[in-house]
Amino acid sequence: MVTLALDPRVSGHLFAVGWENLAEPYGSVLVQALYTSIDGGATWTQAAQVNYSPVGGIVVDPSTNPSTVYCELELKSADGGVNWSPLAALPGVVGPGSSVYAVDPSGTLYALGVASGAFVSHDRAKTWNPIAFPGFNTAAIVPAGSSGTLYSPVTAGNQSAFGTAGFLSKISADGSTLEYSTYLRGHQSAPGYIANNTYNESPLFVTQNWIAGLALDSAGDVVVAGGTRATDFQTVNPLQAANAGLADAFAAVISSDGSMLKYSTYLGGSSDDGGLAAAVDPQGNVIVAGQTWSGDFPITNGSELPLDVAGAFVAKLAVPTTPVITSVVNGASFQPGIEAGSWVAIQGSNLANTTRTWQASDFTGNDLPASLSGVSVTINGLPAFVEYTSPTQINVLAPSDSTTGSVNVVVNNNGLLSAPATAQLQMYAPAFFINPATSLVFASLLPNYTPISSTAPANPGDLVALWGTGFGPTTPQAPAGAIVSGVPVAPAPSVTVGGVSVPVLSSVLTEGSAGLYQITIQLPANVPAGAVAVQASIGGAQTQTGVTLFIASQ
């Protein structure tokens, strides 16, 4: 397959150009042919009247009804691909066709003739007018809307100088301003060569990095398809994080203003693979078409390629979406109100790509990690310390901050930033940790720290450690970004057990932990028996209701 296009007016209507091996009396010959499908690619019909070489790219103009379809500016169909008629050559071009062309939403055509200049047509290829263009060593042009703004990727260097780089440039509608220009590449990692020219591998494959396909999504972001031999090509939220061998295809999404690489992934197997065309479907999925020589190219159905046999591929990629925060709550009570240096739970969607908890290798000495697997969080603009990530929840230790009141919380998932969510940062936000799927507080019987439960209850007179977070500043102050050392003391809260006020012996941050307070109490003789309510208050703030502690019957 050389190129693939869809008709936005007719669901499931596709056009493709590919190679076909035709038998002749003294051998066979490879020719390019145009095919159409009306059932989403399940079956294909060859358009016999274009069954000769050369035939190239397809462009669909949906501004007419039915759509107007162009094939290499050599043939045109005004009835959605049913009938085809030849087009006149571009000015100055010997023979029909153009090297690169595109159509904008209004039906205006842009074309680069083979070494003859750039042209625009406002009457669907009946007449052409010359326009200025900065160069002709380009694989695609993409109009941005109907304003005349054009995008053009160029493969830098030449094919004999293997260390090439792709770049993407946006030029203003009047051609006077370079609005942005950026490289898209990795460094030279493997020699460039054509693996097996018997099967007509594109000359692009001899280069280190190339761009061959462009498309715009509904947000104006630029979708790029190409290939790279580099092992350090930048990836963002990748489907495939590493080069699988020789040349791999890649797909990338660059923000509309050129400021951010929002998505980038390798796609390939152990031999040569490359992307040659890009599209975006109505759901925002990225479609990449290209060529592969890899018997182990990733596929979801069908059979693998025989060794040393080329094949076309079409891949549909679901691009990770922006993280969305739905709530920022106390990490123990899961209620509003958070405190600097204490635990916070962030809930939402697309918050992370993997589910994991921090481990020893994530720490630098006693310093807590500020990110896990590319996920980080800021609270009031300061980096929080990430303990757990999943697509729907992140647990962090809030950074040290003397601010109180409404603050912004932002999640960064591998370069994709959430909209700010607000949280109330308080001097005190006390909460007890509870056992999962129960109302039982995490509590230990001193001096051996034996967990208290229904089968191992506490007794009147016992010393009990209650575990929580958010019980206020300490003396000396404990920095939030490090494992606690020493015994930082917090103000003692008021505590009731079964409605009875109990003596509080101490309130400290636990040495060797982070954000974990130990509230030590002594149960009085008159404490009620059973699963009784336990609650603490400090600085006008209370722990969550419904938390219980088991007391033995006397």
Protein backbone atom coordinates (compact mmCIF):
# COMPACT_ATOMS: atom_id res chain seq x y z
CA MET A 1 0.00 0.00 0.00
CA VAL A 2 1.27 3.46 -0.95
CA THR A 3 -1.52 5.64 0.39
CA LEU A 4 -4.94 5.43 2.00
CA ALA A 5 -7.79 7.97 2.11
CA LEU A 6 -11.35 7.98 3.38
CA ASP A 7 -14.44 9.80 2.18
CA PRO A 8 -15.79 11.89 5.09
CA ARG A 9 -19.20 12.07 3.40
CA VAL A 10 -19.78 8.32 3.15
CA SER A 11 -19.17 6.05 6.14
CA GLY A 12 -16.89 3.14 5.27
CA HIS A 13 -15.93 4.54 1.83
CA LEU A 14 -12.15 4.16 1.39
CA PHE A 15 -9.63 4.68 -1.41
CA ALA A 16 -6.20 3.05 -1.56
CA VAL A 17 -3.26 2.88 -3.94
CA GLY A 18 -1.03 -0.16 -3.78
CA TRP A 19 1.36 -2.33 -5.73
CA GLU A 20 0.10 -5.31 -7.70
CA ASN A 21 2.23 -8.04 -9.24
CA LEU A 22 0.90 -8.66 -12.77
CA ALA A 23 1.87 -11.80 -14.66
CA GLU A 24 3.25 -11.36 -18.19
CA PRO A 25 4.45 -13.92 -20.76
CA TYR A 26 8.11 -13.56 -19.74
CA GLY A 27 7.77 -12.83 -16.05
CA SER A 28 5.88 -10.35 -13.91
CA VAL A 29 5.77 -6.60 -13.42
CA LEU A 30 4.86 -4.48 -10.44
CA VAL A 31 2.33 -1.73 -11.12
CA GLN A 32 0.37 0.62 -8.92
CA ALA A 33 -3.40 0.44 -8.91
CA LEU A 34 -6.28 2.34 -7.34
CA TYR A 35 -8.82 0.45 -5.23
CA THR A 36 -12.08 1.44 -3.56
CA SER A 37 -14.00 -0.06 -0.64
CA ILE A 38 -17.54 0.73 0.49
CA ASP A 39 -17.52 -1.48 3.59
CA GLY A 40 -14.68 -0.05 5.68
CA GLY A 41 -11.96 -2.11 4.00
CA ALA A 42 -13.58 -5.54 4.32
CA THR A 43 -13.64 -5.89 0.52
CA TRP A 44 -11.94 -3.90 -2.26
CA THR A 45 -12.68 -3.24 -5.94
CA GLN A 46 -9.96 -2.22 -8.38
CA ALA A 47 -10.64 0.87 -10.50
CA ALA A 48 -9.45 -0.71 -13.74
CA GLN A 49 -9.12 2.55 -15.67
CA VAL A 50 -6.15 3.57 -13.50
CA ASN A 51 -4.43 0.22 -13.58
CA TYR A 52 -1.08 1.49 -14.79
CA SER A 53 2.02 3.17 -13.42
CA PRO A 54 2.58 5.79 -12.18
CA VAL A 55 -0.33 6.33 -9.82
CA GLY A 56 0.27 7.93 -6.43
CA GLY A 57 -1.44 9.80 -3.63
CA ILE A 58 -5.19 10.22 -3.18
CA VAL A 59 -6.85 13.40 -1.91
CA VAL A 60 -10.58 13.61 -1.11
CA ASP A 61 -12.37 16.97 -1.28
CA PRO A 62 -15.59 16.69 0.80
CA SER A 63 -16.66 20.29 0.07
CA THR A 64 -18.66 18.93 -2.87
CA ASN A 65 -21.52 16.43 -2.72
CA PRO A 66 -20.64 13.78 -3.69
CA SER A 67 -16.96 14.23 -2.81
CA THR A 68 -14.42 15.09 -5.48
CA VAL A 69 -11.48 12.68 -5.49
CA TYR A 70 -8.03 13.30 -6.97
CA CYS A 71 -5.42 10.67 -7.75
CA GLU A 72 -1.92 12.21 -8.05
CA LEU A 73 -3.51 15.19 -9.85
CA GLU A 74 -3.52 12.88 -12.82
CA LEU A 75 -7.10 11.67 -12.51
CA LYS A 76 -10.21 13.21 -11.00
CA SER A 77 -13.58 11.84 -10.00
CA ALA A 78 -16.50 14.23 -9.49
CA ASP A 79 -18.88 11.51 -8.30
CA GLY A 80 -17.14 10.04 -5.25
CA GLY A 81 -14.87 7.67 -7.18
CA VAL A 82 -17.37 6.04 -9.55
CA ASN A 83 -16.02 7.59 -12.76
CA TRP A 84 -12.60 9.06 -13.46
CA SER A 85 -11.27 11.56 -16.02
CA PRO A 86 -7.72 12.75 -16.75
CA LEU A 87 -6.43 16.16 -15.64
CA ALA A 88 -4.23 18.56 -17.52
CA ALA A 89 -0.62 18.92 -16.40
CA LEU A 90 0.46 21.63 -13.96
CA PRO A 91 2.09 24.68 -15.59
CA GLY A 92 5.68 23.90 -16.52
CA VAL A 93 5.36 20.17 -15.82
CA VAL A 94 6.21 17.73 -18.56
CA GLY A 95 3.53 15.08 -18.40
CA PRO A 96 0.69 14.85 -15.87
CA GLY A 97 0.93 14.73 -12.13
CA SER A 98 2.55 16.56 -9.23
CA SER A 99 4.94 15.52 -6.53
CA VAL A 100 2.87 16.78 -3.57
CA TYR A 101 -0.65 18.20 -3.33
CA ALA A 102 -3.46 18.84 -0.84
CA VAL A 103 -6.93 20.35 -0.60
CA ASP A 104 -8.35 22.66 2.10
CA PRO A 105 -11.92 22.51 3.51
CA SER A 106 -13.21 25.00 0.90
CA GLY A 107 -11.97 22.87 -2.02
CA THR A 108 -8.89 24.99 -2.81
CA LEU A 109 -6.07 22.83 -4.19
CA TYR A 110 -2.35 23.33 -3.51
CA ALA A 111 0.32 21.49 -5.49
CA LEU A 112 4.09 21.31 -5.87
CA GLY A 113 5.10 20.40 -9.37
CA VAL A 114 8.18 18.31 -9.98
CA ALA A 115 10.88 21.03 -9.93
CA SER A 116 8.42 23.50 -11.47
CA GLY A 117 7.12 25.50 -8.52
CA ALA A 118 4.08 25.69 -6.25
CA PHE A 119 0.54 26.36 -7.45
CA VAL A 120 -3.00 26.96 -6.20
CA SER A 121 -6.31 26.18 -7.90
CA HIS A 122 -9.67 27.66 -6.89
CA ASP A 123 -11.69 25.76 -9.53
CA ARG A 124 -10.83 22.15 -8.69
CA ALA A 125 -7.79 21.73 -10.95
CA LYS A 126 -9.18 23.42 -14.06
CA THR A 127 -6.72 26.31 -13.82
CA TRP A 128 -3.63 26.96 -11.69
CA ASN A 129 -1.85 30.06 -10.37
CA PRO A 130 1.74 30.10 -9.04
CA ILE A 131 2.42 30.81 -5.35
CA ALA A 132 5.62 31.30 -3.35
CA PHE A 133 7.02 28.33 -1.42
CA PRO A 134 10.28 28.02 0.55
CA GLY A 135 11.43 24.72 -0.93
CA PHE A 136 10.43 21.53 -2.72
CA ASN A 137 12.24 18.75 -0.84
CA THR A 138 9.05 17.92 1.07
CA ALA A 139 6.87 14.86 1.56
CA ALA A 140 3.55 16.59 2.24
CA ILE A 141 1.68 19.86 2.49
CA VAL A 142 -1.30 20.27 4.83
CA PRO A 143 -3.65 23.27 4.70
CA ALA A 144 -4.82 24.54 8.11
CA GLY A 145 -8.47 25.46 7.57
CA SER A 146 -9.48 27.68 4.66
CA SER A 147 -7.26 30.67 5.54
CA GLY A 148 -4.34 29.69 3.34
CA THR A 149 -2.02 28.64 6.18
CA LEU A 150 0.09 25.66 5.09
CA TYR A 151 2.16 23.12 7.02
CA SER A 152 5.06 21.37 5.35
CA PRO A 153 7.45 18.74 6.72
CA VAL A 154 10.86 18.52 5.08
CA THR A 155 13.45 15.80 5.32
CA ALA A 156 16.67 17.63 6.05
CA GLY A 157 19.83 16.63 4.25
CA ASN A 158 19.93 14.09 1.45
CA GLN A 159 19.54 10.36 1.25
CA SER A 160 23.24 9.69 0.90
CA ALA A 161 23.96 11.53 4.17
CA PHE A 162 22.30 9.05 6.49
CA GLY A 163 22.09 11.39 9.51
CA THR A 164 18.87 13.12 8.49
CA ALA A 165 16.24 14.84 10.60
CA GLY A 166 12.59 15.55 9.95
CA PHE A 167 11.16 18.92 10.81
CA LEU A 168 7.75 20.54 10.89
CA SER A 169 7.16 24.20 10.05
CA LYS A 170 4.04 26.35 10.15
CA ILE A 171 3.96 29.36 7.84
CA SER A 172 1.44 32.17 8.13
CA ALA A 173 -1.38 32.49 5.57
CA ASP A 174 0.39 35.31 3.71
CA GLY A 175 3.73 33.48 3.71
CA SER A 176 5.51 36.29 5.55
CA THR A 177 5.97 34.69 8.98
CA LEU A 178 7.44 31.45 10.22
CA GLU A 179 5.02 30.79 13.08
CA TYR A 180 6.97 27.83 14.41
CA SER A 181 9.51 25.29 13.25
CA THR A 182 10.74 22.22 15.10
CA TYR A 183 12.86 19.12 14.58
CA LEU A 184 11.32 15.68 14.95
CA ARG A 185 14.12 13.13 15.09
CA GLY A 186 16.48 10.88 17.00
CA HIS A 187 20.24 10.65 16.66
CA GLN A 188 21.99 8.34 14.23
CA SER A 189 21.83 4.85 15.68
CA ALA A 190 22.01 2.39 12.77
CA PRO A 191 23.30 2.65 9.21
CA GLY A 192 20.70 3.49 6.61
CA TYR A 193 20.21 1.10 3.74
CA ILE A 194 17.47 -0.31 1.58
CA ALA A 195 16.76 -3.76 2.97
CA ASN A 196 15.55 -5.41 -0.21
CA ASN A 197 14.96 -3.22 -3.23
CA THR A 198 13.50 -6.21 -5.08
CA TYR A 199 10.32 -5.34 -3.22
CA ASN A 200 10.51 -1.61 -3.94
CA GLU A 201 11.33 -0.32 -0.48
CA SER A 202 10.90 3.43 -0.49
CA PRO A 203 14.14 5.43 -0.81
CA LEU A 204 13.08 7.19 2.40
CA PHE A 205 14.13 4.05 4.25
CA VAL A 206 17.80 4.81 3.58
CA THR A 207 17.60 7.84 5.89
CA GLN A 208 17.81 8.08 9.67
CA ASN A 209 14.59 10.03 10.25
CA TRP A 210 11.82 10.98 7.86
CA ILE A 211 8.34 12.48 7.80
CA ALA A 212 5.97 11.22 5.12
CA GLY A 213 2.44 11.91 6.34
CA LEU A 214 0.59 14.80 7.96
CA ALA A 215 -2.96 15.36 9.16
CA LEU A 216 -4.78 17.81 11.44
CA ASP A 217 -7.13 16.71 14.21
CA SER A 218 -10.24 18.56 15.36
CA ALA A 219 -8.21 20.64 17.84
CA GLY A 220 -5.76 21.79 15.17
CA ASP A 221 -2.99 19.55 16.53
CA VAL A 222 -0.66 18.15 13.87
CA VAL A 223 -0.51 14.37 13.42
CA VAL A 224 2.78 13.21 11.90
CA ALA A 225 3.74 9.81 10.49
CA GLY A 226 7.19 8.75 9.39
CA GLY A 227 10.08 6.52 10.30
CA THR A 228 13.31 6.48 12.27
CA ARG A 229 16.36 4.31 12.76
CA ALA A 230 17.18 6.08 16.00
CA THR A 231 17.04 4.37 19.38
CA ASP A 232 16.57 7.70 21.20
CA PHE A 233 13.60 9.09 19.25
CA GLN A 234 11.54 10.99 21.82
CA THR A 235 8.42 9.16 22.95
CA VAL A 236 5.45 10.50 24.92
CA ASN A 237 2.78 8.13 26.27
CA PRO A 238 4.00 5.54 23.76
CA LEU A 239 2.28 2.38 22.59
CA GLN A 240 5.80 1.06 21.83
CA ALA A 241 8.52 2.75 23.84
CA ALA A 242 11.63 1.42 22.06
CA ASN A 243 12.91 0.78 18.55
CA ALA A 244 12.36 -2.91 17.80
CA GLY A 245 15.18 -3.04 15.24
CA LEU A 246 16.52 -1.25 12.13
CA ALA A 247 13.91 1.30 10.99
CA ASP A 248 10.60 1.64 12.82
CA ALA A 249 7.56 3.67 11.89
CA PHE A 250 6.53 6.40 14.28
CA ALA A 251 3.41 8.42 14.93
CA ALA A 252 3.44 11.75 16.75
CA VAL A 253 1.01 14.51 17.72
CA ILE A 254 2.29 18.09 18.06
CA SER A 255 0.16 20.80 19.68
CA SER A 256 -1.45 23.37 17.40
CA ASP A 257 0.99 26.08 18.48
CA GLY A 258 4.04 23.84 18.13
CA SER A 259 4.92 24.14 21.82
CA MET A 260 4.39 20.53 22.92
CA LEU A 261 4.96 17.00 21.70
CA LYS A 262 1.69 15.55 23.03
CA TYR A 263 2.14 11.97 21.83
CA SER A 264 4.88 9.98 20.15
CA THR A 265 5.39 6.26 19.68
CA TYR A 266 7.50 3.77 17.77
CA LEU A 267 5.63 1.17 15.71
CA GLY A 268 7.51 -1.71 14.14
CA GLY A 269 9.29 -5.03 14.28
CA SER A 270 12.86 -6.26 13.95
CA SER A 271 13.37 -5.32 10.28
CA ASP A 272 12.58 -2.16 8.30
CA ASP A 273 9.23 -0.44 8.86
CA GLY A 274 8.07 3.06 8.02
CA GLY A 275 5.02 5.26 8.15
CA LEU A 276 4.04 6.78 4.80
CA ALA A 277 0.60 8.35 5.44
CA ALA A 278 -1.45 9.69 8.36
CA ALA A 279 -5.12 10.39 9.01
CA VAL A 280 -7.43 11.09 11.96
CA ASP A 281 -10.84 9.45 12.37
CA PRO A 282 -13.91 11.24 13.84
CA GLN A 283 -13.14 9.80 17.30
CA GLY A 284 -9.65 11.32 17.28
CA ASN A 285 -7.80 8.05 16.72
CA VAL A 286 -4.61 8.30 14.67
CA ILE A 287 -4.47 6.15 11.52
CA VAL A 288 -1.01 5.32 10.14
CA ALA A 289 -0.39 3.49 6.87
CA GLY A 290 3.01 2.34 5.73
CA GLN A 291 5.31 -0.43 4.64
CA THR A 292 6.96 -3.22 6.63
CA TRP A 293 9.56 -5.92 6.09
CA SER A 294 9.20 -7.28 9.64
CA GLY A 295 7.79 -10.76 10.13
CA ASP A 296 7.16 -9.76 13.74
CA PHE A 297 5.41 -6.45 13.01
CA PRO A 298 2.75 -5.97 15.73
CA ILE A 299 -0.65 -7.06 14.41
CA THR A 300 -4.06 -7.61 15.98
CA ASN A 301 -5.38 -10.06 13.38
CA GLY A 302 -4.23 -11.83 10.24
CA SER A 303 -1.04 -13.83 9.70
CA GLU A 304 2.56 -12.70 10.05
CA LEU A 305 4.68 -11.90 7.00
CA PRO A 306 7.02 -14.55 5.56
CA LEU A 307 10.70 -13.72 5.94
CA ASP A 308 12.00 -11.05 3.50
CA VAL A 309 8.56 -10.31 2.08
CA ALA A 310 7.27 -6.76 2.11
CA GLY A 311 3.79 -5.85 3.22
CA ALA A 312 1.60 -2.83 3.72
CA PHE A 313 0.13 -2.04 7.12
CA VAL A 314 -2.63 0.13 8.50
CA ALA A 315 -2.63 0.82 12.24
CA LYS A 316 -5.24 2.58 14.36
CA LEU A 317 -3.77 4.18 17.48
CA ALA A 318 -5.81 5.48 20.39
CA VAL A 319 -3.87 8.56 21.47
CA PRO A 320 -3.81 9.03 25.26
CA THR A 321 -6.03 11.88 26.32
CA THR A 322 -5.45 14.76 28.71
CA PRO A 323 -5.68 13.82 32.41
CA VAL A 324 -8.86 14.98 34.12
CA ILE A 325 -9.08 15.63 37.87
CA THR A 326 -12.50 15.10 39.43
CA SER A 327 -11.55 15.50 43.11
CA VAL A 328 -8.65 16.30 45.42
CA VAL A 329 -9.24 14.92 48.91
CA ASN A 330 -7.55 13.96 52.14
CA GLY A 331 -5.59 10.73 51.58
CA ALA A 332 -6.99 9.06 54.70
CA SER A 333 -10.59 10.28 54.97
CA PHE A 334 -11.22 10.89 51.25
CA GLN A 335 -13.00 14.09 52.27
CA PRO A 336 -12.25 17.69 51.26
CA GLY A 337 -9.47 19.54 53.03
CA ILE A 338 -5.74 18.84 52.70
CA GLU A 339 -2.67 19.84 54.67
CA ALA A 340 0.93 20.58 53.70
CA GLY A 341 3.17 17.61 54.51
CA SER A 342 0.25 15.17 54.69
CA TRP A 343 -1.33 12.64 52.37
CA VAL A 344 -3.56 13.65 49.45
CA ALA A 345 -5.60 11.50 47.04
CA ILE A 346 -6.25 12.82 43.54
CA GLN A 347 -9.07 11.10 41.66
CA GLY A 348 -10.07 11.35 38.01
CA SER A 349 -9.35 9.76 34.63
CA ASN A 350 -6.25 9.38 32.42
CA LEU A 351 -4.13 10.37 35.42
CA ALA A 352 -1.41 7.80 34.63
CA ASN A 353 -0.62 5.10 32.09
CA THR A 354 0.51 2.49 34.60
CA THR A 355 -0.46 1.34 38.09
CA ARG A 356 2.45 1.26 40.52
CA THR A 357 3.70 2.22 43.99
CA TRP A 358 7.03 3.81 44.77
CA GLN A 359 9.92 1.47 45.49
CA ALA A 360 13.45 1.81 46.83
CA SER A 361 14.94 2.58 43.42
CA ASP A 362 12.68 5.66 43.11
CA PHE A 363 14.33 7.35 46.12
CA THR A 364 17.51 9.41 46.17
CA GLY A 365 18.87 8.83 49.63
CA ASN A 366 16.05 9.90 51.98
CA ASP A 367 14.44 12.16 49.37
CA LEU A 368 10.98 11.17 48.18
CA PRO A 369 10.31 10.85 44.40
CA ALA A 370 8.59 13.80 42.75
CA SER A 371 7.44 11.62 39.84
CA LEU A 372 6.69 7.99 39.01
CA SER A 373 6.75 6.66 35.43
CA GLY A 374 6.44 10.16 34.00
CA VAL A 375 3.59 11.24 36.33
CA SER A 376 4.02 14.28 38.57
CA VAL A 377 1.75 16.63 40.53
CA THR A 378 1.97 20.24 41.64
CA ILE A 379 -0.02 21.73 44.52
CA ASN A 380 -0.05 25.52 44.56
CA GLY A 381 2.72 25.38 41.95
CA LEU A 382 5.04 23.28 44.16
CA PRO A 383 6.01 19.68 43.35
CA ALA A 384 4.27 17.03 45.44
CA PHE A 385 5.83 13.65 46.21
CA VAL A 386 4.26 10.73 44.35
CA GLU A 387 3.68 7.45 46.21
CA TYR A 388 1.09 5.71 43.98
CA THR A 389 -0.20 6.13 40.45
CA SER A 390 -3.06 4.57 38.47
CA PRO A 391 -5.29 5.82 35.65
CA THR A 392 -7.98 6.82 38.19
CA GLN A 393 -6.09 7.76 41.37
CA ILE A 394 -2.77 9.27 42.46
CA ASN A 395 -1.58 9.41 46.08
CA VAL A 396 0.90 12.16 46.93
CA LEU A 397 2.46 13.78 49.95
CA ALA A 398 1.65 17.50 49.77
CA PRO A 399 4.74 19.77 49.69
CA SER A 400 5.65 22.10 52.55
CA ASP A 401 3.68 25.33 52.13
CA SER A 402 2.54 28.02 54.57
CA THR A 403 -0.35 29.03 52.29
CA THR A 404 -3.91 28.38 53.43
CA GLY A 405 -7.06 28.61 51.35
CA SER A 406 -7.90 27.58 47.79
CA VAL A 407 -4.95 26.27 45.75
CA ASN A 408 -4.57 24.73 42.30
CA VAL A 409 -3.64 21.09 41.77
CA VAL A 410 -2.29 19.97 38.37
CA VAL A 411 -1.39 16.46 37.15
CA ASN A 412 1.29 15.97 34.49
CA ASN A 413 0.92 12.58 32.78
CA ASN A 414 4.02 12.23 30.60
CA GLY A 415 3.73 15.76 29.24
CA LEU A 416 -0.07 15.98 29.14
CA LEU A 417 -1.31 18.51 31.71
CA SER A 418 -4.68 18.43 33.42
CA ALA A 419 -6.77 21.53 33.88
CA PRO A 420 -6.16 22.92 37.39
CA ALA A 421 -8.43 21.53 40.10
CA THR A 422 -8.96 23.42 43.34
CA ALA A 423 -8.40 22.13 46.85
CA GLN A 424 -8.59 23.72 50.30
CA LEU A 425 -5.13 23.83 51.88
CA GLN A 426 -5.57 24.00 55.68
CA MET A 427 -3.25 24.31 58.67
CA TYR A 428 -4.96 21.21 60.09
CA ALA A 429 -6.73 18.46 58.13
CA PRO A 430 -6.76 15.52 60.57
CA ALA A 431 -7.90 12.08 59.42
CA PHE A 432 -7.44 8.51 60.57
CA PHE A 433 -6.36 5.71 58.23
CA ILE A 434 -8.87 2.85 58.21
CA ASN A 435 -8.60 -0.79 57.22
CA PRO A 436 -9.84 -1.37 53.63
CA ALA A 437 -13.55 -2.19 53.24
CA THR A 438 -14.17 -1.64 56.98
CA SER A 439 -14.72 1.22 59.40
CA LEU A 440 -11.89 0.05 61.69
CA VAL A 441 -9.14 2.54 62.42
CA PHE A 442 -5.55 1.44 61.93
CA ALA A 443 -4.48 1.11 65.57
CA SER A 444 -1.75 -0.74 67.45
CA LEU A 445 -1.45 -1.98 71.00
CA LEU A 446 1.72 -0.71 72.67
CA PRO A 447 4.45 -1.47 73.46
CA ASN A 448 4.66 -4.24 70.81
CA TYR A 449 2.58 -2.47 68.11
CA THR A 450 0.21 -5.43 67.83
CA PRO A 451 -2.61 -4.57 65.39
CA ILE A 452 -5.99 -4.13 67.10
CA SER A 453 -8.89 -6.03 65.52
CA SER A 454 -12.15 -7.77 66.44
CA THR A 455 -10.14 -10.87 67.37
CA ALA A 456 -7.41 -8.88 69.18
CA PRO A 457 -9.29 -5.98 70.83
CA ALA A 458 -7.91 -3.34 73.20
CA ASN A 459 -8.71 -3.24 76.89
CA PRO A 460 -9.34 -0.38 79.33
CA GLY A 461 -6.00 0.93 80.57
CA ASP A 462 -4.12 -0.06 77.38
CA LEU A 463 -1.83 2.31 75.54
CA VAL A 464 -3.00 2.54 71.92
CA ALA A 465 -1.35 4.13 68.87
CA LEU A 466 -3.80 5.60 66.34
CA TRP A 467 -2.40 6.19 62.85
CA GLY A 468 -3.40 9.21 60.78
CA THR A 469 -2.35 12.18 58.71
CA GLY A 470 -2.94 15.94 58.71
CA PHE A 471 -2.46 16.59 62.45
CA GLY A 472 -0.56 19.81 61.94
CA PRO A 473 2.94 21.35 61.94
CA THR A 474 5.69 19.84 64.06
CA THR A 475 8.59 20.95 66.20
CA PRO A 476 11.16 20.71 64.81
CA GLN A 477 9.61 21.25 61.37
CA ALA A 478 9.86 18.12 59.21
CA PRO A 479 10.49 18.80 55.51
CA ALA A 480 7.77 17.14 53.43
CA GLY A 481 10.10 15.79 50.75
CA ALA A 482 12.16 13.49 52.93
CA ILE A 483 11.81 10.41 55.14
CA VAL A 484 11.14 11.53 58.73
CA SER A 485 14.12 11.39 61.06
CA GLY A 486 14.07 11.99 64.79
CA VAL A 487 10.76 12.54 66.59
CA PRO A 488 9.03 15.71 65.28
CA VAL A 489 6.29 16.58 67.83
CA ALA A 490 2.85 17.88 66.80
CA PRO A 491 0.28 19.61 69.01
CA ALA A 492 -1.83 17.06 70.88
CA PRO A 493 -5.39 16.72 69.54
CA SER A 494 -8.49 16.03 71.62
CA VAL A 495 -9.61 12.39 71.24
CA THR A 496 -12.84 10.62 72.21
CA VAL A 497 -13.41 6.85 72.19
CA GLY A 498 -17.00 5.72 72.47
CA GLY A 499 -17.91 9.31 73.32
CA VAL A 500 -15.52 9.34 76.28
CA SER A 501 -12.63 11.79 76.35
CA VAL A 502 -9.32 9.93 76.61
CA PRO A 503 -5.84 11.08 77.69
CA VAL A 504 -3.53 11.89 74.74
CA LEU A 505 0.07 11.09 75.66
CA SER A 506 1.75 12.26 72.44
CA SER A 507 1.31 13.23 68.80
CA VAL A 508 4.39 12.74 66.63
CA LEU A 509 5.45 12.10 63.06
CA THR A 510 6.66 8.51 62.80
CA GLU A 511 10.39 8.11 62.28
CA GLY A 512 11.26 6.34 59.01
CA SER A 513 7.90 7.22 57.43
CA ALA A 514 6.42 10.16 55.51
CA GLY A 515 3.34 12.12 56.60
CA LEU A 516 2.31 9.41 59.09
CA TYR A 517 1.27 10.64 62.57
CA GLN A 518 1.18 8.42 65.64
CA ILE A 519 -1.39 9.60 68.21
CA THR A 520 -0.80 7.72 71.47
CA ILE A 521 -3.76 7.49 73.85
CA GLN A 522 -4.58 5.59 77.06
CA LEU A 523 -7.98 3.97 77.27
CA PRO A 524 -9.77 4.91 80.52
CA ALA A 525 -11.55 2.40 82.77
CA ASN A 526 -14.98 3.66 81.72
CA VAL A 527 -14.48 3.26 77.95
CA PRO A 528 -17.45 1.41 76.34
CA ALA A 529 -16.97 -2.09 74.93
CA GLY A 530 -17.45 -3.24 71.32
CA ALA A 531 -16.80 -1.43 68.05
CA VAL A 532 -16.97 2.11 69.37
CA ALA A 533 -16.53 5.43 67.57
CA VAL A 534 -13.14 7.14 67.71
CA GLN A 535 -12.70 10.80 66.74
CA ALA A 536 -10.06 13.48 67.12
CA SER A 537 -10.12 17.26 66.71
CA ILE A 538 -7.45 19.94 66.52
CA GLY A 539 -7.43 23.57 65.43
CA GLY A 540 -11.18 23.52 64.78
CA ALA A 541 -10.93 20.55 62.36
CA GLN A 542 -12.19 17.02 63.07
CA THR A 543 -11.35 13.57 61.77
CA GLN A 544 -13.97 11.77 59.70
CA THR A 545 -17.02 10.26 61.38
CA GLY A 546 -17.87 6.55 61.35
CA VAL A 547 -14.39 5.35 62.36
CA THR A 548 -14.39 2.61 65.02
CA LEU A 549 -12.02 0.88 67.45
CA PHE A 550 -12.59 -2.57 69.04
CA ILE A 551 -12.69 -2.57 72.86
CA ALA A 552 -12.94 -5.86 74.74
CA SER A 553 -15.90 -6.58 77.01
CA GLN A 554 -15.08 -6.56 80.74
